[in-house]
Amino acid sequence: MFFWLLGILLIGGLGAAGRAVGALRYALVLLGLWISHFVAFGFAGKMTDYLLNKESKLENPLYAWILPPIIIYAISAIVFIIIAQVVYSKVLVYYKYKVLDERRVAWERMERGLGISMGVAVGATLLIELGILIYSIGYWTVQ
């Protein structure tokens, strides 16, 4: 039941936020979330070796197994969110100063309309990622 409520909140909330934020930013964030998923599990082994080091003061090996993918995923997702904002600001300046007003208004309407679907896609992606996290942590309790 909790997972269904989480899904409704994520997908509905990010769909509504997608209308406010726009499709271009959410499309880049969605691409960043997909890339972050594969990058997180690719580099998690290197960070696990660092966390199990004597100087890191991390003694529980379970934390060294769970924390590296989460940390790498969050950092790479934040990087893609920053990239999305920079790209959006460049496009916004172009449409604000170099294009006629009719075309700018049409672009803004299209941006808001497609933002809903991109927000739903980002919400679904985050729901799947949270499901993977919850399943991987709870796997040991099932056994």
N, C-alpha and C. Protein backbone atom coordinates (compact mmCIF):
# COMPACT_ATOMS: atom_id res chain seq x y z
N MET A 1 0.82 -1.19 0.00
CA MET A 1 0.00 0.00 0.00
C MET A 1 0.87 1.26 0.00
N PHE A 2 1.95 1.19 0.77
CA PHE A 2 2.85 2.34 0.83
C PHE A 2 3.46 2.64 -0.52
N PHE A 3 3.82 1.59 -1.25
CA PHE A 3 4.45 1.78 -2.56
C PHE A 3 3.47 2.40 -3.54
N TRP A 4 2.18 2.03 -3.46
CA TRP A 4 1.18 2.64 -4.34
C TRP A 4 1.01 4.12 -4.03
N LEU A 5 0.97 4.46 -2.77
CA LEU A 5 0.85 5.88 -2.39
C LEU A 5 2.08 6.66 -2.84
N LEU A 6 3.24 6.06 -2.68
CA LEU A 6 4.47 6.69 -3.13
C LEU A 6 4.44 6.90 -4.64
N GLY A 7 3.93 5.92 -5.37
CA GLY A 7 3.83 6.03 -6.82
C GLY A 7 2.87 7.12 -7.25
N ILE A 8 1.72 7.21 -6.61
CA ILE A 8 0.75 8.25 -6.95
C ILE A 8 1.33 9.63 -6.66
N LEU A 9 1.99 9.76 -5.52
CA LEU A 9 2.58 11.06 -5.18
C LEU A 9 3.72 11.44 -6.13
N LEU A 10 4.58 10.49 -6.43
CA LEU A 10 5.71 10.79 -7.33
C LEU A 10 5.24 11.11 -8.74
N ILE A 11 4.42 10.25 -9.30
CA ILE A 11 4.00 10.44 -10.68
C ILE A 11 3.08 11.65 -10.81
N GLY A 12 2.13 11.78 -9.90
CA GLY A 12 1.22 12.93 -9.96
C GLY A 12 1.92 14.24 -9.65
N GLY A 13 2.76 14.23 -8.63
CA GLY A 13 3.46 15.46 -8.25
C GLY A 13 4.46 15.92 -9.29
N LEU A 14 5.22 14.98 -9.83
CA LEU A 14 6.20 15.37 -10.85
C LEU A 14 5.54 15.67 -12.19
N GLY A 15 4.37 15.07 -12.43
CA GLY A 15 3.62 15.45 -13.63
C GLY A 15 3.13 16.88 -13.55
N ALA A 16 2.63 17.26 -12.38
CA ALA A 16 2.19 18.65 -12.19
C ALA A 16 3.38 19.61 -12.21
N ALA A 17 4.49 19.18 -11.62
CA ALA A 17 5.68 20.03 -11.64
C ALA A 17 6.25 20.14 -13.04
N GLY A 18 6.06 19.11 -13.85
CA GLY A 18 6.54 19.15 -15.23
C GLY A 18 5.86 20.23 -16.05
N ARG A 19 4.59 20.49 -15.74
CA ARG A 19 3.89 21.57 -16.43
C ARG A 19 4.50 22.92 -16.05
N ALA A 20 4.88 23.07 -14.83
CA ALA A 20 5.46 24.34 -14.39
C ALA A 20 6.91 24.51 -14.84
N VAL A 21 7.66 23.42 -14.82
CA VAL A 21 9.09 23.51 -15.13
C VAL A 21 9.33 23.47 -16.63
N GLY A 22 8.68 22.56 -17.32
CA GLY A 22 8.85 22.48 -18.76
C GLY A 22 9.46 21.17 -19.20
N ALA A 23 9.26 20.86 -20.48
CA ALA A 23 9.67 19.57 -21.02
C ALA A 23 11.18 19.48 -21.24
N LEU A 24 11.81 20.57 -21.62
CA LEU A 24 13.23 20.51 -21.94
C LEU A 24 14.06 20.14 -20.71
N ARG A 25 13.79 20.79 -19.60
CA ARG A 25 14.54 20.47 -18.38
C ARG A 25 14.26 19.05 -17.92
N TYR A 26 12.98 18.64 -17.94
CA TYR A 26 12.65 17.31 -17.48
C TYR A 26 13.15 16.23 -18.43
N ALA A 27 13.26 16.53 -19.72
CA ALA A 27 13.82 15.55 -20.65
C ALA A 27 15.29 15.31 -20.34
N LEU A 28 16.02 16.37 -20.05
CA LEU A 28 17.43 16.22 -19.70
C LEU A 28 17.60 15.54 -18.34
N VAL A 29 16.70 15.84 -17.41
CA VAL A 29 16.75 15.17 -16.11
C VAL A 29 16.45 13.68 -16.27
N LEU A 30 15.48 13.35 -17.13
CA LEU A 30 15.16 11.95 -17.37
C LEU A 30 16.34 11.21 -17.98
N LEU A 31 16.98 11.81 -18.94
CA LEU A 31 18.17 11.22 -19.53
C LEU A 31 19.26 11.05 -18.47
N GLY A 32 19.40 12.05 -17.62
CA GLY A 32 20.39 11.98 -16.54
C GLY A 32 20.09 10.88 -15.54
N LEU A 33 18.81 10.66 -15.23
CA LEU A 33 18.46 9.59 -14.30
C LEU A 33 18.77 8.22 -14.88
N TRP A 34 18.52 8.06 -16.17
CA TRP A 34 18.85 6.77 -16.80
C TRP A 34 20.35 6.54 -16.83
N ILE A 35 21.10 7.56 -17.18
CA ILE A 35 22.56 7.41 -17.21
C ILE A 35 23.10 7.21 -15.80
N SER A 36 22.52 7.91 -14.82
CA SER A 36 22.97 7.78 -13.44
C SER A 36 22.78 6.37 -12.92
N HIS A 37 21.72 5.71 -13.34
CA HIS A 37 21.49 4.33 -12.89
C HIS A 37 22.64 3.42 -13.30
N PHE A 38 23.06 3.53 -14.55
CA PHE A 38 24.13 2.66 -15.03
C PHE A 38 25.50 3.09 -14.50
N VAL A 39 25.70 4.37 -14.33
CA VAL A 39 26.97 4.86 -13.79
C VAL A 39 27.12 4.46 -12.33
N ALA A 40 26.00 4.48 -11.58
CA ALA A 40 26.07 4.18 -10.15
C ALA A 40 26.54 2.75 -9.91
N PHE A 41 26.01 1.82 -10.66
CA PHE A 41 26.42 0.44 -10.44
C PHE A 41 27.76 0.13 -11.09
N GLY A 42 28.17 0.94 -12.04
CA GLY A 42 29.47 0.74 -12.66
C GLY A 42 30.62 1.18 -11.77
N PHE A 43 30.43 2.27 -11.04
CA PHE A 43 31.50 2.81 -10.21
C PHE A 43 31.35 2.47 -8.73
N ALA A 44 30.34 1.71 -8.38
CA ALA A 44 30.12 1.40 -6.97
C ALA A 44 31.24 0.55 -6.38
N GLY A 45 31.85 -0.30 -7.19
CA GLY A 45 32.93 -1.14 -6.68
C GLY A 45 34.14 -0.34 -6.26
N LYS A 46 34.48 0.68 -7.03
CA LYS A 46 35.62 1.53 -6.67
C LYS A 46 35.37 2.25 -5.35
N MET A 47 34.14 2.73 -5.17
CA MET A 47 33.83 3.47 -3.95
C MET A 47 33.71 2.52 -2.76
N THR A 48 33.28 1.30 -2.99
CA THR A 48 33.21 0.31 -1.91
C THR A 48 34.60 0.03 -1.36
N ASP A 49 35.58 -0.09 -2.23
CA ASP A 49 36.95 -0.30 -1.78
C ASP A 49 37.43 0.87 -0.92
N TYR A 50 37.04 2.08 -1.31
CA TYR A 50 37.42 3.26 -0.53
C TYR A 50 36.73 3.27 0.82
N LEU A 51 35.45 2.90 0.87
CA LEU A 51 34.71 2.94 2.13
C LEU A 51 35.14 1.84 3.10
N LEU A 52 35.63 0.75 2.60
CA LEU A 52 36.10 -0.32 3.48
C LEU A 52 37.55 -0.13 3.91
N ASN A 53 38.15 0.98 3.53
CA ASN A 53 39.50 1.31 3.89
C ASN A 53 39.58 1.58 5.40
N LYS A 54 40.75 1.43 5.99
CA LYS A 54 40.91 1.67 7.43
C LYS A 54 40.70 3.14 7.81
N GLU A 55 41.04 4.05 6.91
CA GLU A 55 40.95 5.48 7.23
C GLU A 55 39.52 6.01 7.15
N SER A 56 38.62 5.29 6.53
CA SER A 56 37.27 5.82 6.33
C SER A 56 36.38 5.65 7.55
N LYS A 57 36.77 4.85 8.52
CA LYS A 57 36.06 4.65 9.77
C LYS A 57 34.66 4.04 9.58
N LEU A 58 34.44 3.37 8.46
CA LEU A 58 33.16 2.71 8.22
C LEU A 58 33.37 1.23 8.48
N GLU A 59 32.79 0.73 9.57
CA GLU A 59 33.07 -0.63 10.00
C GLU A 59 32.03 -1.64 9.54
N ASN A 60 30.81 -1.20 9.27
CA ASN A 60 29.77 -2.12 8.88
C ASN A 60 29.86 -2.37 7.37
N PRO A 61 30.10 -3.59 6.93
CA PRO A 61 30.21 -3.85 5.50
C PRO A 61 28.88 -3.70 4.76
N LEU A 62 27.76 -3.78 5.49
CA LEU A 62 26.47 -3.57 4.84
C LEU A 62 26.33 -2.14 4.35
N TYR A 63 26.80 -1.18 5.13
CA TYR A 63 26.79 0.22 4.69
C TYR A 63 27.69 0.43 3.47
N ALA A 64 28.81 -0.27 3.46
CA ALA A 64 29.72 -0.16 2.32
C ALA A 64 29.13 -0.78 1.07
N TRP A 65 28.14 -1.63 1.22
CA TRP A 65 27.46 -2.23 0.09
C TRP A 65 26.30 -1.36 -0.40
N ILE A 66 25.61 -0.68 0.52
CA ILE A 66 24.42 0.10 0.18
C ILE A 66 24.76 1.52 -0.22
N LEU A 67 25.66 2.16 0.49
CA LEU A 67 25.91 3.59 0.29
C LEU A 67 26.55 3.98 -1.05
N PRO A 68 27.53 3.26 -1.59
CA PRO A 68 28.17 3.74 -2.82
C PRO A 68 27.25 3.95 -4.02
N PRO A 69 26.34 3.02 -4.35
CA PRO A 69 25.46 3.32 -5.49
C PRO A 69 24.54 4.51 -5.23
N ILE A 70 24.09 4.67 -4.00
CA ILE A 70 23.20 5.79 -3.68
C ILE A 70 23.94 7.11 -3.81
N ILE A 71 25.14 7.17 -3.30
CA ILE A 71 25.93 8.41 -3.36
C ILE A 71 26.27 8.77 -4.80
N ILE A 72 26.72 7.80 -5.57
CA ILE A 72 27.09 8.07 -6.97
C ILE A 72 25.86 8.44 -7.79
N TYR A 73 24.73 7.77 -7.54
CA TYR A 73 23.49 8.09 -8.24
C TYR A 73 23.06 9.52 -7.95
N ALA A 74 23.11 9.90 -6.69
CA ALA A 74 22.68 11.26 -6.31
C ALA A 74 23.60 12.32 -6.92
N ILE A 75 24.89 12.09 -6.88
CA ILE A 75 25.83 13.09 -7.42
C ILE A 75 25.66 13.23 -8.92
N SER A 76 25.56 12.11 -9.64
CA SER A 76 25.41 12.22 -11.10
C SER A 76 24.05 12.79 -11.48
N ALA A 77 23.00 12.51 -10.72
CA ALA A 77 21.70 13.10 -11.00
C ALA A 77 21.73 14.61 -10.78
N ILE A 78 22.40 15.06 -9.74
CA ILE A 78 22.53 16.49 -9.48
C ILE A 78 23.31 17.18 -10.60
N VAL A 79 24.34 16.51 -11.10
CA VAL A 79 25.10 17.08 -12.23
C VAL A 79 24.20 17.25 -13.45
N PHE A 80 23.36 16.26 -13.73
CA PHE A 80 22.47 16.39 -14.88
C PHE A 80 21.37 17.42 -14.66
N ILE A 81 20.94 17.63 -13.43
CA ILE A 81 19.97 18.68 -13.14
C ILE A 81 20.60 20.05 -13.40
N ILE A 82 21.85 20.21 -13.03
CA ILE A 82 22.55 21.48 -13.29
C ILE A 82 22.73 21.69 -14.80
N ILE A 83 23.09 20.63 -15.51
CA ILE A 83 23.23 20.73 -16.97
C ILE A 83 21.90 21.11 -17.60
N ALA A 84 20.81 20.52 -17.13
CA ALA A 84 19.49 20.83 -17.66
C ALA A 84 19.14 22.30 -17.45
N GLN A 85 19.49 22.84 -16.30
CA GLN A 85 19.21 24.25 -16.04
C GLN A 85 20.03 25.16 -16.94
N VAL A 86 21.28 24.83 -17.17
CA VAL A 86 22.13 25.64 -18.04
C VAL A 86 21.62 25.62 -19.48
N VAL A 87 21.26 24.43 -19.97
CA VAL A 87 20.74 24.33 -21.33
C VAL A 87 19.42 25.09 -21.46
N TYR A 88 18.56 24.98 -20.45
CA TYR A 88 17.28 25.69 -20.50
C TYR A 88 17.48 27.20 -20.51
N SER A 89 18.45 27.69 -19.75
CA SER A 89 18.68 29.14 -19.73
C SER A 89 19.18 29.63 -21.08
N LYS A 90 19.99 28.83 -21.76
CA LYS A 90 20.46 29.22 -23.11
C LYS A 90 19.29 29.25 -24.10
N VAL A 91 18.43 28.25 -24.04
CA VAL A 91 17.26 28.21 -24.94
C VAL A 91 16.30 29.35 -24.61
N LEU A 92 16.13 29.64 -23.33
CA LEU A 92 15.24 30.73 -22.92
C LEU A 92 15.74 32.07 -23.44
N VAL A 93 17.03 32.32 -23.36
CA VAL A 93 17.59 33.56 -23.88
C VAL A 93 17.39 33.65 -25.39
N TYR A 94 17.55 32.52 -26.09
CA TYR A 94 17.34 32.52 -27.54
C TYR A 94 15.90 32.89 -27.88
N TYR A 95 14.94 32.24 -27.23
CA TYR A 95 13.54 32.52 -27.55
C TYR A 95 13.08 33.88 -27.03
N LYS A 96 13.75 34.41 -26.05
CA LYS A 96 13.33 35.70 -25.51
C LYS A 96 13.82 36.86 -26.38
N TYR A 97 15.01 36.75 -26.95
CA TYR A 97 15.60 37.90 -27.63
C TYR A 97 15.75 37.73 -29.15
N LYS A 98 15.72 36.54 -29.69
CA LYS A 98 16.03 36.36 -31.10
C LYS A 98 14.87 35.84 -31.94
N VAL A 99 13.72 35.62 -31.32
CA VAL A 99 12.58 35.05 -32.03
C VAL A 99 11.38 35.98 -31.83
N LEU A 100 10.49 35.98 -32.81
CA LEU A 100 9.27 36.78 -32.70
C LEU A 100 8.41 36.28 -31.54
N ASP A 101 7.56 37.19 -31.03
CA ASP A 101 6.76 36.86 -29.86
C ASP A 101 5.77 35.72 -30.11
N GLU A 102 5.22 35.65 -31.32
CA GLU A 102 4.26 34.58 -31.60
C GLU A 102 4.93 33.21 -31.50
N ARG A 103 6.13 33.11 -32.02
CA ARG A 103 6.84 31.85 -31.96
C ARG A 103 7.29 31.52 -30.54
N ARG A 104 7.65 32.53 -29.77
CA ARG A 104 8.05 32.32 -28.37
C ARG A 104 6.86 31.82 -27.56
N VAL A 105 5.69 32.41 -27.76
CA VAL A 105 4.51 31.98 -27.02
C VAL A 105 4.13 30.55 -27.40
N ALA A 106 4.23 30.23 -28.69
CA ALA A 106 3.94 28.85 -29.13
C ALA A 106 4.92 27.87 -28.50
N TRP A 107 6.19 28.25 -28.41
CA TRP A 107 7.18 27.38 -27.80
C TRP A 107 6.89 27.18 -26.31
N GLU A 108 6.50 28.25 -25.62
CA GLU A 108 6.19 28.14 -24.20
C GLU A 108 4.98 27.24 -23.95
N ARG A 109 3.97 27.32 -24.80
CA ARG A 109 2.79 26.45 -24.66
C ARG A 109 3.16 25.00 -24.91
N MET A 110 3.97 24.77 -25.94
CA MET A 110 4.41 23.42 -26.23
C MET A 110 5.28 22.89 -25.09
N GLU A 111 6.11 23.73 -24.54
CA GLU A 111 6.99 23.35 -23.43
C GLU A 111 6.17 22.94 -22.21
N ARG A 112 5.13 23.68 -21.89
CA ARG A 112 4.28 23.34 -20.74
C ARG A 112 3.48 22.07 -21.01
N GLY A 113 2.95 21.93 -22.21
CA GLY A 113 2.14 20.75 -22.52
C GLY A 113 2.93 19.46 -22.50
N LEU A 114 4.10 19.48 -23.07
CA LEU A 114 4.95 18.28 -23.05
C LEU A 114 5.60 18.05 -21.69
N GLY A 115 5.65 19.10 -20.88
CA GLY A 115 6.24 18.97 -19.56
C GLY A 115 5.49 18.01 -18.67
N ILE A 116 4.16 17.91 -18.87
CA ILE A 116 3.37 16.98 -18.07
C ILE A 116 3.83 15.54 -18.34
N SER A 117 3.95 15.19 -19.61
CA SER A 117 4.35 13.82 -19.93
C SER A 117 5.79 13.54 -19.50
N MET A 118 6.66 14.51 -19.61
CA MET A 118 8.04 14.30 -19.16
C MET A 118 8.09 14.17 -17.64
N GLY A 119 7.26 14.93 -16.94
CA GLY A 119 7.20 14.81 -15.49
C GLY A 119 6.70 13.44 -15.05
N VAL A 120 5.71 12.90 -15.77
CA VAL A 120 5.23 11.55 -15.47
C VAL A 120 6.32 10.52 -15.73
N ALA A 121 7.08 10.70 -16.80
CA ALA A 121 8.17 9.77 -17.09
C ALA A 121 9.27 9.84 -16.02
N VAL A 122 9.59 11.04 -15.56
CA VAL A 122 10.58 11.18 -14.49
C VAL A 122 10.06 10.54 -13.20
N GLY A 123 8.77 10.75 -12.90
CA GLY A 123 8.18 10.15 -11.72
C GLY A 123 8.18 8.63 -11.78
N ALA A 124 7.88 8.07 -12.96
CA ALA A 124 7.90 6.62 -13.11
C ALA A 124 9.32 6.08 -12.97
N THR A 125 10.29 6.80 -13.52
CA THR A 125 11.68 6.37 -13.40
C THR A 125 12.13 6.38 -11.94
N LEU A 126 11.80 7.45 -11.22
CA LEU A 126 12.16 7.50 -9.80
C LEU A 126 11.44 6.44 -8.99
N LEU A 127 10.19 6.13 -9.37
CA LEU A 127 9.47 5.07 -8.67
C LEU A 127 10.14 3.72 -8.88
N ILE A 128 10.58 3.45 -10.09
CA ILE A 128 11.29 2.20 -10.36
C ILE A 128 12.61 2.15 -9.59
N GLU A 129 13.32 3.28 -9.57
CA GLU A 129 14.60 3.32 -8.84
C GLU A 129 14.37 3.11 -7.34
N LEU A 130 13.34 3.72 -6.78
CA LEU A 130 13.05 3.52 -5.36
C LEU A 130 12.59 2.08 -5.10
N GLY A 131 11.88 1.50 -6.05
CA GLY A 131 11.48 0.10 -5.91
C GLY A 131 12.68 -0.82 -5.90
N ILE A 132 13.65 -0.55 -6.75
CA ILE A 132 14.88 -1.35 -6.76
C ILE A 132 15.60 -1.20 -5.42
N LEU A 133 15.66 0.02 -4.90
CA LEU A 133 16.33 0.25 -3.62
C LEU A 133 15.61 -0.46 -2.48
N ILE A 134 14.29 -0.34 -2.43
CA ILE A 134 13.53 -0.98 -1.36
C ILE A 134 13.64 -2.50 -1.46
N TYR A 135 13.58 -3.03 -2.67
CA TYR A 135 13.69 -4.47 -2.84
C TYR A 135 15.07 -4.97 -2.44
N SER A 136 16.11 -4.26 -2.83
CA SER A 136 17.46 -4.73 -2.51
C SER A 136 17.74 -4.65 -1.02
N ILE A 137 17.19 -3.67 -0.33
CA ILE A 137 17.37 -3.61 1.13
C ILE A 137 16.52 -4.66 1.82
N GLY A 138 15.29 -4.85 1.36
CA GLY A 138 14.40 -5.79 2.00
C GLY A 138 14.59 -7.23 1.59
N TYR A 139 15.48 -7.50 0.65
CA TYR A 139 15.70 -8.86 0.17
C TYR A 139 16.17 -9.77 1.30
N TRP A 140 17.00 -9.24 2.18
CA TRP A 140 17.56 -10.06 3.26
C TRP A 140 16.48 -10.42 4.27
N THR A 141 15.45 -9.61 4.43
CA THR A 141 14.40 -9.96 5.38
C THR A 141 13.50 -11.06 4.84
N VAL A 142 13.36 -11.15 3.52
CA VAL A 142 12.57 -12.21 2.93
C VAL A 142 13.26 -13.56 3.10
N GLN A 143 14.56 -13.56 2.98
CA GLN A 143 15.30 -14.82 3.11
C GLN A 143 15.27 -15.30 4.54
